[in-house]
Amino acid sequence: MRRGTIRNRDRIAVLAPTPALARSAAALLAGRLEGRLRPFALADYLASPRAPAQVVLCPSGRSLAGDVDFLKSARERVLWGAPDETFSGAIEGLRGSPPPVPAGGSLRRVSPVRGGKSETAAALLLEGTVTSARARALVSQDARLWIVEHVRRVRVSPVLMERLRRQGVRWAALEPVSLLAVLASPRLARARSRWARLLPRATPVWIRGSQGDRAGASR
């Protein structure tokens, strides 16, 4: 691995398909990233309320299909963007002096501040933890943009998440996860056309090679 490091004093989550692979990747990345690296399997990261908001994705490198599936899972479950700017003013007003959030969480309907045509006429602001039971109760709502505090507040089963996706539900987070880089095998890097659309365009790709890791060009 090259000596150049990314300086960051905050904690960084290293996400991989399994805990063992995450620990291995964290040891490999220790020379590049300054700060406390915390290894997580994807499911464990989502179950940890205090997990870092900055992440490095580390597919296993064992198969191309498996690596692409891992990046797809991360995109669908971790890499949610912030709400569109048309909703930001409305949310800021709602949360200016918010009442205490009850144990079951609160639900608020959000409409865009500006007038004019908008693809999304309204959204739901879901404060507190979103469980599968709570999500099922919301399916009848007409709003299909659901805004949560952060991805780790959502405890919805994979089967229900897929059902919601098919019904047009899109998610956004007030505190989005920040993707620092992807640690990819040479084979995954060469197949970038298969997964490039899943990640932000400027995401750095670090290539893991047999003779040590080297930095790949940013897309």
Protein backbone atom coordinates (compact mmCIF):
# COMPACT_ATOMS: atom_id res chain seq x y z
CA MET A 1 0.00 0.00 0.00
CA ARG A 2 1.29 3.44 -0.82
CA ARG A 3 2.49 5.62 2.02
CA GLY A 4 0.09 8.47 1.27
CA THR A 5 -2.75 8.58 3.76
CA ILE A 6 -6.13 10.21 3.99
CA ARG A 7 -6.11 12.32 7.13
CA ASN A 8 -9.26 12.01 9.17
CA ARG A 9 -9.61 12.27 12.91
CA ASP A 10 -13.08 10.78 12.99
CA ARG A 11 -13.95 7.14 13.25
CA ILE A 12 -14.29 5.25 9.98
CA ALA A 13 -16.32 2.10 9.41
CA VAL A 14 -14.82 -0.63 7.24
CA LEU A 15 -17.71 -2.58 5.70
CA ALA A 16 -17.31 -6.07 4.24
CA PRO A 17 -19.56 -9.11 3.70
CA THR A 18 -18.45 -10.80 6.95
CA PRO A 19 -16.87 -9.67 10.24
CA ALA A 20 -13.66 -11.60 9.47
CA LEU A 21 -13.29 -9.96 6.06
CA ALA A 22 -13.97 -6.56 7.61
CA ARG A 23 -11.22 -7.08 10.20
CA SER A 24 -8.79 -8.15 7.48
CA ALA A 25 -9.63 -5.11 5.36
CA ALA A 26 -9.29 -2.78 8.37
CA ALA A 27 -5.79 -4.11 9.02
CA LEU A 28 -4.92 -3.52 5.37
CA LEU A 29 -6.30 0.01 5.42
CA ALA A 30 -4.56 1.03 8.64
CA GLY A 31 -1.61 2.42 6.67
CA ARG A 32 -3.80 4.59 4.46
CA LEU A 33 -6.45 5.94 6.82
CA GLU A 34 -5.67 7.83 9.99
CA GLY A 35 -8.17 7.52 12.78
CA ARG A 36 -10.01 4.71 14.47
CA LEU A 37 -11.09 2.05 12.01
CA ARG A 38 -14.05 -0.06 13.05
CA PRO A 39 -14.75 -3.24 11.06
CA PHE A 40 -18.36 -4.26 10.43
CA ALA A 41 -20.29 -6.75 8.40
CA LEU A 42 -23.02 -4.85 6.58
CA ALA A 43 -25.83 -6.14 8.80
CA ASP A 44 -23.87 -5.39 11.98
CA TYR A 45 -23.23 -1.84 10.82
CA LEU A 46 -26.93 -1.22 10.31
CA ALA A 47 -27.69 -2.63 13.76
CA SER A 48 -25.20 -0.32 15.51
CA PRO A 49 -26.77 3.08 16.41
CA ARG A 50 -23.36 4.65 17.14
CA ALA A 51 -21.50 3.33 14.10
CA PRO A 52 -19.37 5.87 12.19
CA ALA A 53 -21.01 7.88 9.44
CA GLN A 54 -17.95 7.56 7.19
CA VAL A 55 -17.38 4.21 5.49
CA VAL A 56 -15.07 2.32 3.16
CA LEU A 57 -16.68 -0.52 1.21
CA CYS A 58 -14.58 -3.68 0.97
CA PRO A 59 -16.03 -6.45 -1.22
CA SER A 60 -14.45 -9.83 -0.59
CA GLY A 61 -12.81 -10.25 -4.00
CA ARG A 62 -13.79 -13.91 -4.10
CA SER A 63 -16.19 -13.61 -7.03
CA LEU A 64 -17.17 -10.80 -9.35
CA ALA A 65 -20.88 -11.50 -8.97
CA GLY A 66 -20.60 -11.55 -5.18
CA ASP A 67 -18.68 -8.28 -5.15
CA VAL A 68 -21.24 -6.53 -7.35
CA ASP A 69 -24.05 -7.87 -5.16
CA PHE A 70 -22.29 -6.49 -2.08
CA LEU A 71 -22.00 -3.03 -3.66
CA LYS A 72 -25.64 -3.21 -4.71
CA SER A 73 -26.67 -4.08 -1.15
CA ALA A 74 -24.63 -1.18 0.20
CA ARG A 75 -26.22 1.18 -2.30
CA GLU A 76 -29.75 0.07 -1.47
CA ARG A 77 -29.34 -0.05 2.30
CA VAL A 78 -26.51 2.30 3.33
CA LEU A 79 -25.82 4.96 0.70
CA TRP A 80 -29.01 6.98 0.95
CA GLY A 81 -28.75 10.59 -0.07
CA ALA A 82 -29.95 13.68 1.76
CA PRO A 83 -33.45 15.01 1.01
CA ASP A 84 -33.83 17.13 -2.11
CA GLU A 85 -33.33 20.82 -1.52
CA THR A 86 -37.02 21.44 -2.16
CA PHE A 87 -37.76 19.66 1.13
CA SER A 88 -34.89 21.01 3.22
CA GLY A 89 -36.60 24.26 4.20
CA ALA A 90 -39.77 22.49 5.21
CA ILE A 91 -37.87 19.97 7.32
CA GLU A 92 -35.81 22.71 8.94
CA GLY A 93 -39.01 24.47 9.94
CA LEU A 94 -40.56 21.31 11.33
CA ARG A 95 -37.49 20.50 13.38
CA GLY A 96 -36.82 24.04 14.58
CA SER A 97 -38.43 23.37 17.94
CA PRO A 98 -39.47 19.73 17.75
CA PRO A 99 -41.53 18.07 20.45
CA PRO A 100 -40.03 15.06 22.23
CA VAL A 101 -40.05 12.04 19.95
CA PRO A 102 -42.21 9.28 21.49
CA ALA A 103 -40.79 5.80 21.95
CA GLY A 104 -42.50 4.57 18.79
CA GLY A 105 -41.19 7.50 16.76
CA SER A 106 -43.09 10.32 15.12
CA LEU A 107 -44.48 10.81 11.61
CA ARG A 108 -44.73 14.16 9.88
CA ARG A 109 -45.83 14.95 6.37
CA VAL A 110 -43.45 17.27 4.51
CA SER A 111 -44.34 19.35 1.46
CA PRO A 112 -41.82 21.24 -0.69
CA VAL A 113 -41.23 24.87 0.30
CA ARG A 114 -41.16 26.11 -3.28
CA GLY A 115 -44.09 25.89 -5.63
CA GLY A 116 -43.96 24.65 -9.19
CA LYS A 117 -43.74 21.20 -10.65
CA SER A 118 -42.02 18.58 -8.52
CA GLU A 119 -41.56 14.86 -9.10
CA THR A 120 -42.33 14.25 -5.43
CA ALA A 121 -45.36 16.16 -4.13
CA ALA A 122 -44.81 15.22 -0.48
CA ALA A 123 -42.61 13.14 1.77
CA LEU A 124 -42.81 11.50 5.17
CA LEU A 125 -40.37 12.53 7.89
CA LEU A 126 -39.95 9.49 10.14
CA GLU A 127 -38.31 10.29 13.45
CA GLY A 128 -37.19 7.51 15.76
CA THR A 129 -36.67 3.88 14.82
CA VAL A 130 -38.48 2.52 11.77
CA THR A 131 -39.35 -1.12 12.37
CA SER A 132 -40.93 -3.56 9.95
CA ALA A 133 -44.28 -3.17 11.73
CA ARG A 134 -44.09 0.60 11.48
CA ALA A 135 -43.13 0.45 7.80
CA ARG A 136 -46.07 -1.85 7.00
CA ALA A 137 -48.42 0.63 8.65
CA LEU A 138 -47.09 3.39 6.38
CA VAL A 139 -47.53 1.58 3.08
CA SER A 140 -51.01 3.02 2.65
CA GLN A 141 -49.62 6.57 2.71
CA ASP A 142 -49.45 8.21 -0.71
CA ALA A 143 -46.03 9.80 -0.11
CA ARG A 144 -43.30 7.61 -1.55
CA LEU A 145 -40.24 9.52 -0.30
CA TRP A 146 -39.50 8.46 3.26
CA ILE A 147 -36.97 10.58 5.14
CA VAL A 148 -35.29 9.15 8.24
CA GLU A 149 -32.69 10.47 10.67
CA HIS A 150 -30.01 8.04 9.48
CA VAL A 151 -29.85 4.60 7.90
CA ARG A 152 -29.11 2.88 11.19
CA ARG A 153 -32.53 3.95 12.47
CA VAL A 154 -34.23 1.65 9.96
CA ARG A 155 -34.79 -1.91 11.20
CA VAL A 156 -36.85 -3.29 8.34
CA SER A 157 -36.48 -6.85 7.07
CA PRO A 158 -34.84 -7.37 3.65
CA VAL A 159 -38.03 -8.92 2.28
CA LEU A 160 -40.10 -5.90 3.28
CA MET A 161 -37.45 -3.49 2.00
CA GLU A 162 -37.70 -5.14 -1.41
CA ARG A 163 -41.49 -4.97 -1.30
CA LEU A 164 -41.33 -1.27 -0.48
CA ARG A 165 -38.87 -0.69 -3.32
CA ARG A 166 -41.22 -2.36 -5.78
CA GLN A 167 -44.04 -0.16 -4.53
CA GLY A 168 -41.99 2.94 -5.31
CA VAL A 169 -40.75 3.88 -1.84
CA ARG A 170 -37.51 5.85 -1.90
CA TRP A 171 -35.44 6.66 1.16
CA ALA A 172 -33.41 9.68 2.20
CA ALA A 173 -31.46 10.43 5.39
CA LEU A 174 -30.98 13.67 7.29
CA GLU A 175 -27.51 12.41 8.25
CA PRO A 176 -26.28 10.56 5.14
CA VAL A 177 -23.44 8.07 5.24
CA SER A 178 -20.28 9.39 3.60
CA LEU A 179 -18.48 6.94 1.30
CA LEU A 180 -14.72 7.51 1.42
CA ALA A 181 -13.61 4.80 -1.02
CA VAL A 182 -14.05 1.28 -2.34
CA LEU A 183 -11.30 -1.30 -1.84
CA ALA A 184 -11.63 -3.45 -4.96
CA SER A 185 -9.94 -6.48 -6.44
CA PRO A 186 -8.33 -5.99 -9.88
CA ARG A 187 -11.13 -8.06 -11.41
CA LEU A 188 -13.81 -5.86 -9.85
CA ALA A 189 -11.99 -2.71 -10.94
CA ARG A 190 -11.82 -3.94 -14.54
CA ALA A 191 -15.57 -4.59 -14.50
CA ARG A 192 -16.39 -1.07 -13.35
CA SER A 193 -19.10 -0.66 -15.99
CA ARG A 194 -21.15 -3.27 -14.12
CA TRP A 195 -21.30 -1.32 -10.86
CA ALA A 196 -20.24 2.29 -11.48
CA ARG A 197 -23.85 3.51 -11.42
CA LEU A 198 -24.30 2.19 -7.88
CA LEU A 199 -21.86 4.66 -6.29
CA PRO A 200 -21.28 8.43 -6.38
CA ARG A 201 -19.25 9.42 -9.45
CA ALA A 202 -16.26 10.79 -7.52
CA THR A 203 -15.78 7.74 -5.28
CA PRO A 204 -12.07 6.76 -5.14
CA VAL A 205 -11.35 3.13 -6.02
CA TRP A 206 -8.37 1.55 -4.30
CA ILE A 207 -7.20 -1.59 -6.07
CA ARG A 208 -6.14 -4.57 -4.00
CA GLY A 209 -3.40 -6.48 -5.80
CA SER A 210 -1.23 -9.50 -5.12
CA GLN A 211 1.83 -7.31 -4.67
CA GLY A 212 0.12 -4.91 -2.31
CA ASP A 213 -2.57 -2.35 -2.74
CA ARG A 214 -2.28 0.61 -5.04
CA ALA A 215 -4.53 3.58 -5.53
CA GLY A 216 -6.91 3.42 -8.46
CA ALA A 217 -8.06 6.45 -10.36
CA SER A 218 -11.23 8.15 -9.16
CA ARG A 219 -14.17 7.80 -11.47
